[in-house]
Amino acid sequence: MCTFFAKSSVINGMNLNRFCFLLLALAAMGSAFLPHPVVMWFLFANLLTVVIYGADKMAARKAWRRVPESTLLMFGLVGGWPGAIVGQQVFRHKTQKQPFKTWFIISVMVNIVVLVALVRYVWQ
């Protein structure tokens, strides 16, 4: 999705990385106004993450401008890691590349620790 818009006039001159983060910010704002905002945030973050992994794979095949690895990792870190796992498997993208794989696994572990802590100490 991000790379599709990078070729169109919609974000002509706008940095691709900024556009991806703009989508993430819009998802955060949108989820804040919906019932069950935390659940909606995870749904939006995961959907966007799958889309961005697919867009980056398409960009890799067509030699277009790519989504930075740091952006892919950040989308996983903010809660989109299940979507990242789905995107990696469906698009066969970023499944073997080191050190990306190592950093991704660390981000998943951090997410799980934070979620367990939230459930245990905040949402008792």
Protein backbone atom coordinates (compact mmCIF):
# COMPACT_ATOMS: atom_id res chain seq x y z
CA MET A 1 0.00 0.00 0.00
CA CYS A 2 2.70 2.46 0.98
CA THR A 3 4.74 1.70 -2.13
CA PHE A 4 1.66 1.97 -4.34
CA PHE A 5 1.09 5.50 -3.09
CA ALA A 6 4.78 6.27 -3.43
CA LYS A 7 4.43 5.87 -7.20
CA SER A 8 1.25 7.97 -7.35
CA SER A 9 0.79 11.68 -6.94
CA VAL A 10 -0.98 11.25 -3.60
CA ILE A 11 2.25 11.56 -1.65
CA ASN A 12 4.44 12.99 -4.38
CA GLY A 13 7.49 14.32 -2.59
CA MET A 14 6.37 12.96 0.80
CA ASN A 15 8.77 10.56 2.45
CA LEU A 16 7.52 6.96 2.26
CA ASN A 17 8.55 6.29 5.84
CA ARG A 18 6.59 9.31 7.07
CA PHE A 19 3.54 8.16 5.13
CA CYS A 20 3.62 4.76 6.81
CA PHE A 21 3.85 6.40 10.23
CA LEU A 22 1.03 8.78 9.27
CA LEU A 23 -1.15 5.73 8.61
CA LEU A 24 -0.17 4.34 12.01
CA ALA A 25 -1.02 7.65 13.73
CA LEU A 26 -4.39 7.77 11.98
CA ALA A 27 -5.07 4.22 13.18
CA ALA A 28 -4.21 5.26 16.74
CA MET A 29 -6.50 8.29 16.58
CA GLY A 30 -9.29 6.30 14.98
CA SER A 31 -9.12 3.54 17.57
CA ALA A 32 -9.33 6.10 20.39
CA PHE A 33 -12.86 7.04 19.30
CA LEU A 34 -14.18 3.50 18.92
CA PRO A 35 -15.56 1.12 21.51
CA HIS A 36 -12.78 -0.99 23.07
CA PRO A 37 -9.93 1.25 21.86
CA VAL A 38 -7.14 -1.16 22.87
CA VAL A 39 -8.68 -4.02 20.92
CA MET A 40 -9.30 -1.73 17.94
CA TRP A 41 -5.71 -0.48 18.10
CA PHE A 42 -4.37 -4.03 17.88
CA LEU A 43 -6.68 -4.80 14.96
CA PHE A 44 -5.67 -1.65 13.06
CA ALA A 45 -1.95 -2.06 13.86
CA ASN A 46 -1.96 -5.69 12.71
CA LEU A 47 -3.91 -4.96 9.54
CA LEU A 48 -1.55 -2.12 8.63
CA THR A 49 1.47 -4.28 9.40
CA VAL A 50 0.31 -7.06 7.07
CA VAL A 51 -0.37 -4.50 4.33
CA ILE A 52 3.03 -2.86 4.75
CA TYR A 53 4.86 -6.21 4.63
CA GLY A 54 2.99 -7.01 1.42
CA ALA A 55 3.75 -3.59 -0.03
CA ASP A 56 7.43 -3.91 0.84
CA LYS A 57 7.61 -7.33 -0.80
CA MET A 58 6.01 -5.90 -3.93
CA ALA A 59 8.46 -2.98 -3.85
CA ALA A 60 11.37 -5.42 -3.56
CA ARG A 61 10.20 -7.31 -6.63
CA LYS A 62 9.64 -4.19 -8.73
CA ALA A 63 12.77 -2.33 -7.56
CA TRP A 64 10.70 0.50 -6.08
CA ARG A 65 11.51 2.49 -3.00
CA ARG A 66 11.38 0.18 0.04
CA VAL A 67 9.90 0.51 3.50
CA PRO A 68 12.85 0.75 5.93
CA GLU A 69 13.45 -2.25 8.16
CA SER A 70 13.27 0.03 11.19
CA THR A 71 9.70 0.93 10.20
CA LEU A 72 8.74 -2.72 9.83
CA LEU A 73 10.23 -3.42 13.26
CA MET A 74 8.44 -0.43 14.80
CA PHE A 75 5.07 -1.57 13.45
CA GLY A 76 5.67 -4.92 15.13
CA LEU A 77 6.87 -3.29 18.33
CA VAL A 78 3.72 -1.17 18.76
CA GLY A 79 1.51 -4.23 18.69
CA GLY A 80 1.51 -5.36 15.08
CA TRP A 81 3.79 -8.34 15.61
CA PRO A 82 1.07 -10.96 14.95
CA GLY A 83 0.35 -9.18 11.66
CA ALA A 84 4.08 -9.12 10.94
CA ILE A 85 4.29 -12.88 11.44
CA VAL A 86 1.33 -13.35 9.09
CA GLY A 87 2.87 -10.96 6.55
CA GLN A 88 6.22 -12.71 6.73
CA GLN A 89 4.66 -16.10 6.08
CA VAL A 90 2.08 -15.07 3.46
CA PHE A 91 4.49 -12.92 1.43
CA ARG A 92 7.63 -14.95 2.26
CA HIS A 93 9.26 -11.69 3.26
CA LYS A 94 11.95 -11.03 5.88
CA THR A 95 11.87 -14.60 7.12
CA GLN A 96 15.61 -15.32 6.90
CA LYS A 97 17.36 -11.95 6.87
CA GLN A 98 19.69 -11.30 9.79
CA PRO A 99 19.87 -9.18 11.94
CA PHE A 100 16.25 -8.27 11.14
CA LYS A 101 15.02 -11.67 12.33
CA THR A 102 16.85 -11.31 15.64
CA TRP A 103 15.51 -7.81 16.27
CA PHE A 104 12.02 -8.96 15.34
CA ILE A 105 12.13 -11.84 17.83
CA ILE A 106 13.35 -9.43 20.54
CA SER A 107 10.46 -7.05 19.75
CA VAL A 108 7.95 -9.91 20.02
CA MET A 109 9.36 -10.92 23.41
CA VAL A 110 9.21 -7.29 24.63
CA ASN A 111 5.58 -7.12 23.49
CA ILE A 112 4.65 -10.29 25.31
CA VAL A 113 6.36 -9.15 28.53
CA VAL A 114 4.56 -5.79 28.38
CA LEU A 115 1.20 -7.43 27.68
CA VAL A 116 1.64 -9.88 30.57
CA ALA A 117 2.60 -7.00 32.88
CA LEU A 118 -0.42 -4.96 31.78
CA VAL A 119 -2.80 -7.85 32.30
CA ARG A 120 -1.28 -8.75 35.64
CA TYR A 121 -0.84 -5.32 37.21
CA VAL A 122 -3.11 -2.88 35.40
CA TRP A 123 -6.14 -4.79 34.08
CA GLN A 124 -6.64 -7.07 37.10
